[in-house]
PDB file of N, CA and C in Angstrom:
ATOM      1  N   UNK A   1       0.819  -0.926   0.197  1.00  0.00           N
ATOM      2  CA  UNK A   1      -0.027   0.132   0.211  1.00  0.00           C
ATOM      3  C   UNK A   1       0.871   1.154   0.130  1.00  0.00           C
ATOM      4  N   UNK A   2       0.454   2.333  -1.107  1.00  0.00           N
ATOM      5  CA  UNK A   2       1.675   3.313  -1.120  1.00  0.00           C
ATOM      6  C   UNK A   2       1.174   4.233   0.290  1.00  0.00           C
ATOM      7  N   UNK A   3       2.397   5.417   0.404  1.00  0.00           N
ATOM      8  CA  UNK A   3       2.390   5.836   1.860  1.00  0.00           C
ATOM      9  C   UNK A   3       1.131   6.763   2.429  1.00  0.00           C
ATOM     10  N   UNK A   4       0.779   7.319   1.370  1.00  0.00           N
ATOM     11  CA  UNK A   4      -0.704   8.087   2.130  1.00  0.00           C
ATOM     12  C   UNK A   4      -1.410   7.732   2.029  1.00  0.00           C
ATOM     13  N   UNK A   5      -1.760   6.520   1.324  1.00  0.00           N
ATOM     14  CA  UNK A   5      -3.208   5.623   2.101  1.00  0.00           C
ATOM     15  C   UNK A   5      -2.470   4.474   3.257  1.00  0.00           C
ATOM     16  N   UNK A   6      -1.660   4.217   3.042  1.00  0.00           N
ATOM     17  CA  UNK A   6      -1.527   3.395   4.534  1.00  0.00           C
ATOM     18  C   UNK A   6      -0.913   3.866   5.804  1.00  0.00           C
ATOM     19  N   UNK A   7      -1.004   5.336   6.140  1.00  0.00           N
ATOM     20  CA  UNK A   7      -1.052   6.367   6.888  1.00  0.00           C
ATOM     21  C   UNK A   7      -3.058   6.589   7.201  1.00  0.00           C
ATOM     22  N   UNK A   8      -3.394   6.721   5.913  1.00  0.00           N
ATOM     23  CA  UNK A   8      -4.610   6.828   6.324  1.00  0.00           C
ATOM     24  C   UNK A   8      -5.337   5.940   6.756  1.00  0.00           C
ATOM     25  N   UNK A   9      -4.970   4.539   6.429  1.00  0.00           N
ATOM     26  CA  UNK A   9      -5.583   3.623   6.624  1.00  0.00           C
ATOM     27  C   UNK A   9      -5.214   3.297   8.241  1.00  0.00           C
ATOM     28  N   UNK A  10      -4.374   3.605   8.373  1.00  0.00           N
ATOM     29  CA  UNK A  10      -3.739   3.320  10.416  1.00  0.00           C
ATOM     30  C   UNK A  10      -4.599   4.114  10.953  1.00  0.00           C
ATOM     31  N   UNK A  11      -4.485   5.344  10.451  1.00  0.00           N
ATOM     32  CA  UNK A  11      -5.107   6.877  11.572  1.00  0.00           C
ATOM     33  C   UNK A  11      -6.702   5.834  11.412  1.00  0.00           C
ATOM     34  N   UNK A  12      -7.289   5.351  10.834  1.00  0.00           N
ATOM     35  CA  UNK A  12      -9.121   5.465  10.719  1.00  0.00           C
ATOM     36  C   UNK A  12      -8.908   4.097  11.115  1.00  0.00           C
ATOM     37  N   UNK A  13      -8.468   2.752  11.133  1.00  0.00           N
ATOM     38  CA  UNK A  13      -8.380   1.594  11.994  1.00  0.00           C
ATOM     39  C   UNK A  13      -7.825   1.876  13.089  1.00  0.00           C
ATOM     40  N   UNK A  14      -6.589   1.946  13.465  1.00  0.00           N
ATOM     41  CA  UNK A  14      -6.186   1.672  14.694  1.00  0.00           C
ATOM     42  C   UNK A  14      -6.007   3.049  15.481  1.00  0.00           C
ATOM     43  N   UNK A  15      -5.147   4.069  14.927  1.00  0.00           N
ATOM     44  CA  UNK A  15      -4.731   5.426  15.894  1.00  0.00           C
ATOM     45  C   UNK A  15      -5.143   6.654  14.767  1.00  0.00           C
ATOM     46  N   UNK A  16      -5.945   7.461  15.195  1.00  0.00           N
ATOM     47  CA  UNK A  16      -5.801   8.686  14.842  1.00  0.00           C
ATOM     48  C   UNK A  16      -4.783   9.443  14.881  1.00  0.00           C
ATOM     49  N   UNK A  17      -4.235   9.277  15.602  1.00  0.00           N
ATOM     50  CA  UNK A  17      -2.782  10.137  15.680  1.00  0.00           C
ATOM     51  C   UNK A  17      -1.789   9.582  14.899  1.00  0.00           C
ATOM     52  N   UNK A  18      -1.929   8.044  14.483  1.00  0.00           N
ATOM     53  CA  UNK A  18      -0.502   7.718  14.079  1.00  0.00           C
ATOM     54  C   UNK A  18       0.639   8.071  12.862  1.00  0.00           C
ATOM     55  N   UNK A  19       1.746   8.547  13.281  1.00  0.00           N
ATOM     56  CA  UNK A  19       2.678   9.224  12.575  1.00  0.00           C
ATOM     57  C   UNK A  19       2.577  10.350  12.824  1.00  0.00           C
ATOM     58  N   UNK A  20       2.172  11.077  13.790  1.00  0.00           N
ATOM     59  CA  UNK A  20       2.506  12.510  13.935  1.00  0.00           C
ATOM     60  C   UNK A  20       3.842  12.416  15.330  1.00  0.00           C
ATOM     61  N   UNK A  21       4.099  13.509  15.137  1.00  0.00           N
ATOM     62  CA  UNK A  21       5.344  13.784  16.306  1.00  0.00           C
ATOM     63  C   UNK A  21       4.528  13.771  17.970  1.00  0.00           C
ATOM     64  N   UNK A  22       5.177  13.327  18.211  1.00  0.00           N
ATOM     65  CA  UNK A  22       4.976  13.387  19.944  1.00  0.00           C
ATOM     66  C   UNK A  22       5.842  13.853  20.799  1.00  0.00           C
ATOM     67  N   UNK A  23       5.609  14.638  21.821  1.00  0.00           N
ATOM     68  CA  UNK A  23       6.672  15.195  22.518  1.00  0.00           C
ATOM     69  C   UNK A  23       7.527  14.136  23.493  1.00  0.00           C
ATOM     70  N   UNK A  24       6.735  13.196  23.624  1.00  0.00           N
ATOM     71  CA  UNK A  24       7.605  11.979  24.633  1.00  0.00           C
ATOM     72  C   UNK A  24       8.492  11.344  24.070  1.00  0.00           C
ATOM     73  N   UNK A  25       8.839  11.208  22.995  1.00  0.00           N
ATOM     74  CA  UNK A  25       9.837  10.499  21.911  1.00  0.00           C
ATOM     75  C   UNK A  25      11.024  11.728  21.859  1.00  0.00           C
ATOM     76  N   UNK A  26      12.315  10.723  22.047  1.00  0.00           N
ATOM     77  CA  UNK A  26      13.417  11.869  21.718  1.00  0.00           C
ATOM     78  C   UNK A  26      13.620  12.581  20.429  1.00  0.00           C
ATOM     79  N   UNK A  27      14.339  13.582  20.191  1.00  0.00           N
ATOM     80  CA  UNK A  27      13.755  14.112  18.840  1.00  0.00           C
ATOM     81  C   UNK A  27      12.929  15.009  18.675  1.00  0.00           C
ATOM     82  N   UNK A  28      11.385  14.635  18.886  1.00  0.00           N
ATOM     83  CA  UNK A  28      10.438  14.742  18.665  1.00  0.00           C
ATOM     84  C   UNK A  28       9.506  16.174  19.598  1.00  0.00           C
ATOM     85  N   UNK A  29      10.423  16.315  20.395  1.00  0.00           N
ATOM     86  CA  UNK A  29       9.966  17.608  21.880  1.00  0.00           C
ATOM     87  C   UNK A  29       9.783  19.060  20.982  1.00  0.00           C
ATOM     88  N   UNK A  30       8.703  19.405  21.388  1.00  0.00           N
ATOM     89  CA  UNK A  30       8.064  20.531  21.023  1.00  0.00           C
ATOM     90  C   UNK A  30       8.310  21.733  22.285  1.00  0.00           C
ATOM     91  N   UNK A  31       8.946  22.639  21.540  1.00  0.00           N
ATOM     92  CA  UNK A  31       9.710  23.998  22.479  1.00  0.00           C
ATOM     93  C   UNK A  31       8.577  24.382  23.185  1.00  0.00           C
ATOM     94  N   UNK A  32       8.482  24.700  24.440  1.00  0.00           N
ATOM     95  CA  UNK A  32       7.856  26.022  25.355  1.00  0.00           C
ATOM     96  C   UNK A  32       8.661  26.739  26.109  1.00  0.00           C
ATOM     97  N   UNK A  33       8.186  27.646  26.246  1.00  0.00           N
ATOM     98  CA  UNK A  33       8.245  29.149  27.297  1.00  0.00           C
ATOM     99  C   UNK A  33       8.690  28.456  28.338  1.00  0.00           C
ATOM    100  N   UNK A  34       9.919  29.111  28.808  1.00  0.00           N
ATOM    101  CA  UNK A  34      10.234  28.971  30.411  1.00  0.00           C
ATOM    102  C   UNK A  34      10.571  30.885  30.865  1.00  0.00           C
ATOM    103  N   UNK A  35      10.165  30.560  31.967  1.00  0.00           N
ATOM    104  CA  UNK A  35      10.518  31.669  32.588  1.00  0.00           C
ATOM    105  C   UNK A  35      12.197  31.601  33.439  1.00  0.00           C
ATOM    106  N   UNK A  36      13.125  32.131  33.458  1.00  0.00           N
ATOM    107  CA  UNK A  36      14.323  31.924  33.977  1.00  0.00           C
ATOM    108  C   UNK A  36      14.771  32.929  35.307  1.00  0.00           C
ATOM    109  N   UNK A  37      14.868  32.306  36.577  1.00  0.00           N
ATOM    110  CA  UNK A  37      15.335  33.479  37.475  1.00  0.00           C
ATOM    111  C   UNK A  37      16.787  33.139  37.748  1.00  0.00           C
ATOM    112  N   UNK A  38      17.734  34.102  37.526  1.00  0.00           N
ATOM    113  CA  UNK A  38      18.776  34.064  37.555  1.00  0.00           C
ATOM    114  C   UNK A  38      19.074  34.919  38.658  1.00  0.00           C
ATOM    115  N   UNK A  39      19.542  34.630  39.656  1.00  0.00           N
ATOM    116  CA  UNK A  39      20.203  35.395  40.913  1.00  0.00           C
ATOM    117  C   UNK A  39      21.850  35.541  40.714  1.00  0.00           C
ATOM    118  N   UNK A  40      22.257  36.432  41.237  1.00  0.00           N
ATOM    119  CA  UNK A  40      23.656  36.617  40.691  1.00  0.00           C
ATOM    120  C   UNK A  40      24.481  38.025  41.999  1.00  0.00           C
ATOM    121  N   UNK A  41      25.599  37.837  42.121  1.00  0.00           N
ATOM    122  CA  UNK A  41      26.027  38.993  42.977  1.00  0.00           C
ATOM    123  C   UNK A  41      27.443  39.541  42.112  1.00  0.00           C
ATOM    124  N   UNK A  42      27.261  41.272  42.448  1.00  0.00           N
ATOM    125  CA  UNK A  42      28.973  41.636  42.258  1.00  0.00           C
ATOM    126  C   UNK A  42      28.973  41.520  43.535  1.00  0.00           C
ATOM    127  N   UNK A  43      28.862  43.198  43.324  1.00  0.00           N
ATOM    128  CA  UNK A  43      28.975  43.426  44.986  1.00  0.00           C
ATOM    129  C   UNK A  43      27.999  44.303  45.598  1.00  0.00           C
ATOM    130  N   UNK A  44      26.730  43.743  44.754  1.00  0.00           N
ATOM    131  CA  UNK A  44      25.805  43.828  45.129  1.00  0.00           C
ATOM    132  C   UNK A  44      24.862  42.887  44.479  1.00  0.00           C
ATOM    133  N   UNK A  45      24.024  42.120  45.657  1.00  0.00           N
ATOM    134  CA  UNK A  45      22.508  41.013  45.448  1.00  0.00           C
ATOM    135  C   UNK A  45      21.928  41.845  44.280  1.00  0.00           C
ATOM    136  N   UNK A  46      21.295  40.602  43.431  1.00  0.00           N
ATOM    137  CA  UNK A  46      20.359  41.145  42.554  1.00  0.00           C
ATOM    138  C   UNK A  46      19.619  39.586  41.643  1.00  0.00           C
ATOM    139  N   UNK A  47      18.357  39.837  40.977  1.00  0.00           N
ATOM    140  CA  UNK A  47      18.237  39.137  40.038  1.00  0.00           C
ATOM    141  C   UNK A  47      17.783  39.348  38.918  1.00  0.00           C
ATOM    142  N   UNK A  48      17.489  38.067  37.781  1.00  0.00           N
ATOM    143  CA  UNK A  48      17.208  38.404  36.699  1.00  0.00           C
ATOM    144  C   UNK A  48      15.808  37.795  35.962  1.00  0.00           C
ATOM    145  N   UNK A  49      15.625  38.284  35.299  1.00  0.00           N
ATOM    146  CA  UNK A  49      14.388  37.238  35.087  1.00  0.00           C
ATOM    147  C   UNK A  49      14.551  37.537  33.133  1.00  0.00           C
ATOM    148  N   UNK A  50      14.658  36.214  33.056  1.00  0.00           N
ATOM    149  CA  UNK A  50      14.476  35.631  31.580  1.00  0.00           C
ATOM    150  C   UNK A  50      13.279  35.109  30.569  1.00  0.00           C
ATOM    151  N   UNK A  51      12.517  35.194  29.670  1.00  0.00           N
ATOM    152  CA  UNK A  51      11.723  34.496  29.250  1.00  0.00           C
ATOM    153  C   UNK A  51      12.621  33.465  28.340  1.00  0.00           C
ATOM    154  N   UNK A  52      13.012  32.458  27.903  1.00  0.00           N
ATOM    155  CA  UNK A  52      13.714  31.040  27.160  1.00  0.00           C
ATOM    156  C   UNK A  52      12.538  30.269  26.510  1.00  0.00           C
ATOM    157  N   UNK A  53      12.853  30.465  25.385  1.00  0.00           N
ATOM    158  CA  UNK A  53      12.051  29.308  25.007  1.00  0.00           C
ATOM    159  C   UNK A  53      13.029  27.710  24.356  1.00  0.00           C
ATOM    160  N   UNK A  54      12.316  26.671  24.699  1.00  0.00           N
ATOM    161  CA  UNK A  54      13.110  25.591  24.713  1.00  0.00           C
ATOM    162  C   UNK A  54      12.587  24.398  24.917  1.00  0.00           C
ATOM    163  N   UNK A  55      13.079  23.013  24.527  1.00  0.00           N
ATOM    164  CA  UNK A  55      12.401  21.814  24.365  1.00  0.00           C
ATOM    165  C   UNK A  55      12.148  21.661  25.884  1.00  0.00           C
ATOM    166  N   UNK A  56      13.474  21.613  27.334  1.00  0.00           N
ATOM    167  CA  UNK A  56      13.167  21.358  28.385  1.00  0.00           C
ATOM    168  C   UNK A  56      13.440  22.245  29.039  1.00  0.00           C
ATOM    169  N   UNK A  57      13.411  22.233  30.354  1.00  0.00           N
ATOM    170  CA  UNK A  57      13.577  22.681  31.396  1.00  0.00           C
ATOM    171  C   UNK A  57      15.343  23.296  31.426  1.00  0.00           C
ATOM    172  N   UNK A  58      15.861  21.966  30.822  1.00  0.00           N
ATOM    173  CA  UNK A  58      17.200  21.686  31.445  1.00  0.00           C
ATOM    174  C   UNK A  58      17.902  22.319  30.336  1.00  0.00           C
ATOM    175  N   UNK A  59      17.604  22.426  29.210  1.00  0.00           N
ATOM    176  CA  UNK A  59      18.029  23.215  27.806  1.00  0.00           C
ATOM    177  C   UNK A  59      17.718  24.808  28.014  1.00  0.00           C
ATOM    178  N   UNK A  60      16.413  24.853  28.667  1.00  0.00           N
ATOM    179  CA  UNK A  60      16.181  26.769  29.286  1.00  0.00           C
ATOM    180  C   UNK A  60      17.323  27.208  30.077  1.00  0.00           C
ATOM    181  N   UNK A  61      17.600  26.513  31.185  1.00  0.00           N
ATOM    182  CA  UNK A  61      18.784  26.937  32.131  1.00  0.00           C
ATOM    183  C   UNK A  61      20.018  27.143  31.426  1.00  0.00           C
ATOM    184  N   UNK A  62      20.110  26.032  30.395  1.00  0.00           N
ATOM    185  CA  UNK A  62      21.817  26.350  29.680  1.00  0.00           C
ATOM    186  C   UNK A  62      21.492  27.343  29.027  1.00  0.00           C
ATOM    187  N   UNK A  63      20.503  27.866  28.205  1.00  0.00           N
ATOM    188  CA  UNK A  63      20.161  28.834  26.950  1.00  0.00           C
ATOM    189  C   UNK A  63      20.490  30.027  28.392  1.00  0.00           C
ATOM    190  N   UNK A  64      20.192  29.937  29.265  1.00  0.00           N
ATOM    191  CA  UNK A  64      19.607  31.504  30.410  1.00  0.00           C
ATOM    192  C   UNK A  64      21.114  32.067  30.534  1.00  0.00           C
ATOM    193  N   UNK A  65      21.914  30.201  31.159  1.00  0.00           N
ATOM    194  CA  UNK A  65      22.908  31.149  32.092  1.00  0.00           C
ATOM    195  C   UNK A  65      24.329  31.399  30.757  1.00  0.00           C
ATOM    196  N   UNK A  66      24.302  30.641  29.559  1.00  0.00           N
ATOM    197  CA  UNK A  66      24.965  31.356  28.290  1.00  0.00           C
ATOM    198  C   UNK A  66      24.589  32.750  27.948  1.00  0.00           C
ATOM    199  N   UNK A  67      23.382  32.837  28.076  1.00  0.00           N
ATOM    200  CA  UNK A  67      22.568  34.006  27.687  1.00  0.00           C
ATOM    201  C   UNK A  67      22.858  35.419  28.691  1.00  0.00           C
ATOM    202  N   UNK A  68      23.285  35.010  29.959  1.00  0.00           N
ATOM    203  CA  UNK A  68      23.649  35.677  31.055  1.00  0.00           C
ATOM    204  C   UNK A  68      25.336  36.378  30.858  1.00  0.00           C
ATOM    205  N   UNK A  69      25.673  35.303  30.407  1.00  0.00           N
ATOM    206  CA  UNK A  69      27.179  35.187  30.594  1.00  0.00           C
ATOM    207  C   UNK A  69      27.399  36.355  29.382  1.00  0.00           C
ATOM    208  N   UNK A  70      26.746  36.280  28.671  1.00  0.00           N
ATOM    209  CA  UNK A  70      26.925  37.004  27.369  1.00  0.00           C
ATOM    210  C   UNK A  70      26.780  38.300  27.666  1.00  0.00           C
ATOM    211  N   UNK A  71      25.397  39.164  28.517  1.00  0.00           N
ATOM    212  CA  UNK A  71      25.379  39.958  28.577  1.00  0.00           C
ATOM    213  C   UNK A  71      26.066  40.942  29.903  1.00  0.00           C
ATOM    214  N   UNK A  72      26.872  40.239  30.611  1.00  0.00           N
ATOM    215  CA  UNK A  72      27.221  40.500  31.961  1.00  0.00           C
ATOM    216  C   UNK A  72      28.454  40.771  31.977  1.00  0.00           C
ATOM    217  N   UNK A  73      29.104  41.193  32.887  1.00  0.00           N
ATOM    218  CA  UNK A  73      30.749  41.015  33.162  1.00  0.00           C
ATOM    219  C   UNK A  73      31.173  39.362  33.778  1.00  0.00           C
ATOM    220  N   UNK A  74      32.703  39.570  33.459  1.00  0.00           N
ATOM    221  CA  UNK A  74      32.900  38.271  33.921  1.00  0.00           C
ATOM    222  C   UNK A  74      32.819  38.461  35.743  1.00  0.00           C
ATOM    223  N   UNK A  75      32.908  39.653  36.221  1.00  0.00           N
ATOM    224  CA  UNK A  75      32.878  39.766  37.887  1.00  0.00           C
ATOM    225  C   UNK A  75      31.637  39.478  38.654  1.00  0.00           C
ATOM    226  N   UNK A  76      30.739  39.306  37.840  1.00  0.00           N
ATOM    227  CA  UNK A  76      29.152  38.845  37.871  1.00  0.00           C
ATOM    228  C   UNK A  76      28.749  37.185  38.397  1.00  0.00           C
ATOM    229  N   UNK A  77      28.794  37.000  39.195  1.00  0.00           N
ATOM    230  CA  UNK A  77      28.556  35.068  39.741  1.00  0.00           C
ATOM    231  C   UNK A  77      27.651  35.312  39.561  1.00  0.00           C
ATOM    232  N   UNK A  78      26.777  33.811  39.426  1.00  0.00           N
ATOM    233  CA  UNK A  78      25.743  33.581  39.445  1.00  0.00           C
ATOM    234  C   UNK A  78      25.787  32.880  40.307  1.00  0.00           C
ATOM    235  N   UNK A  79      24.778  33.164  41.500  1.00  0.00           N
ATOM    236  CA  UNK A  79      24.063  32.466  43.063  1.00  0.00           C
ATOM    237  C   UNK A  79      23.227  31.004  42.771  1.00  0.00           C
ATOM    238  N   UNK A  80      22.162  31.079  42.051  1.00  0.00           N
ATOM    239  CA  UNK A  80      21.201  30.265  41.768  1.00  0.00           C
ATOM    240  C   UNK A  80      20.262  30.593  40.722  1.00  0.00           C
ATOM    241  N   UNK A  81      19.869  29.666  40.087  1.00  0.00           N
ATOM    242  CA  UNK A  81      19.070  29.556  39.080  1.00  0.00           C
ATOM    243  C   UNK A  81      17.780  28.606  39.498  1.00  0.00           C
ATOM    244  N   UNK A  82      16.650  29.616  38.733  1.00  0.00           N
ATOM    245  CA  UNK A  82      15.365  28.049  39.221  1.00  0.00           C
ATOM    246  C   UNK A  82      14.593  28.877  37.528  1.00  0.00           C
ATOM    247  N   UNK A  83      14.138  27.154  37.554  1.00  0.00           N
ATOM    248  CA  UNK A  83      13.150  27.683  35.835  1.00  0.00           C
ATOM    249  C   UNK A  83      11.585  26.952  36.237  1.00  0.00           C
ATOM    250  N   UNK A  84      10.872  27.461  35.317  1.00  0.00           N
ATOM    251  CA  UNK A  84       9.344  27.266  35.603  1.00  0.00           C
ATOM    252  C   UNK A  84       8.842  27.685  33.885  1.00  0.00           C
ATOM    253  N   UNK A  85       8.274  26.560  33.951  1.00  0.00           N
ATOM    254  CA  UNK A  85       7.351  27.090  32.701  1.00  0.00           C
ATOM    255  C   UNK A  85       6.249  27.704  32.537  1.00  0.00           C
ATOM    256  N   UNK A  86       6.372  28.684  32.074  1.00  0.00           N
ATOM    257  CA  UNK A  86       5.448  29.600  31.450  1.00  0.00           C
ATOM    258  C   UNK A  86       4.391  29.232  31.421  1.00  0.00           C
ATOM    259  N   UNK A  87       3.105  29.784  31.976  1.00  0.00           N
ATOM    260  CA  UNK A  87       1.804  29.881  32.335  1.00  0.00           C
ATOM    261  C   UNK A  87       1.464  29.770  30.778  1.00  0.00           C
ATOM    262  N   UNK A  88       0.540  29.259  29.804  1.00  0.00           N
ATOM    263  CA  UNK A  88      -0.342  29.709  28.604  1.00  0.00           C
ATOM    264  C   UNK A  88      -1.066  31.083  28.659  1.00  0.00           C
TER     265      UNK A  88
END
């Protein structure tokens, strides 16, 4: 059976979502927005909120740390980082 017909038959008779991308399979993750809070100190304590688009919270934290390093001096030391998924 050729491709479109076989896909349509699988969706009709077995699983209506057969062949669609799902976020629970590696490589099929859907990007979400995360709010990352970075607490840092120089001569004083401060915090910064970044909105990062990433597939996972770990990736969001990594991207936020990199963005923070790119925008701040090397004297700014990260004290802690917290990540939460942004409400829709």
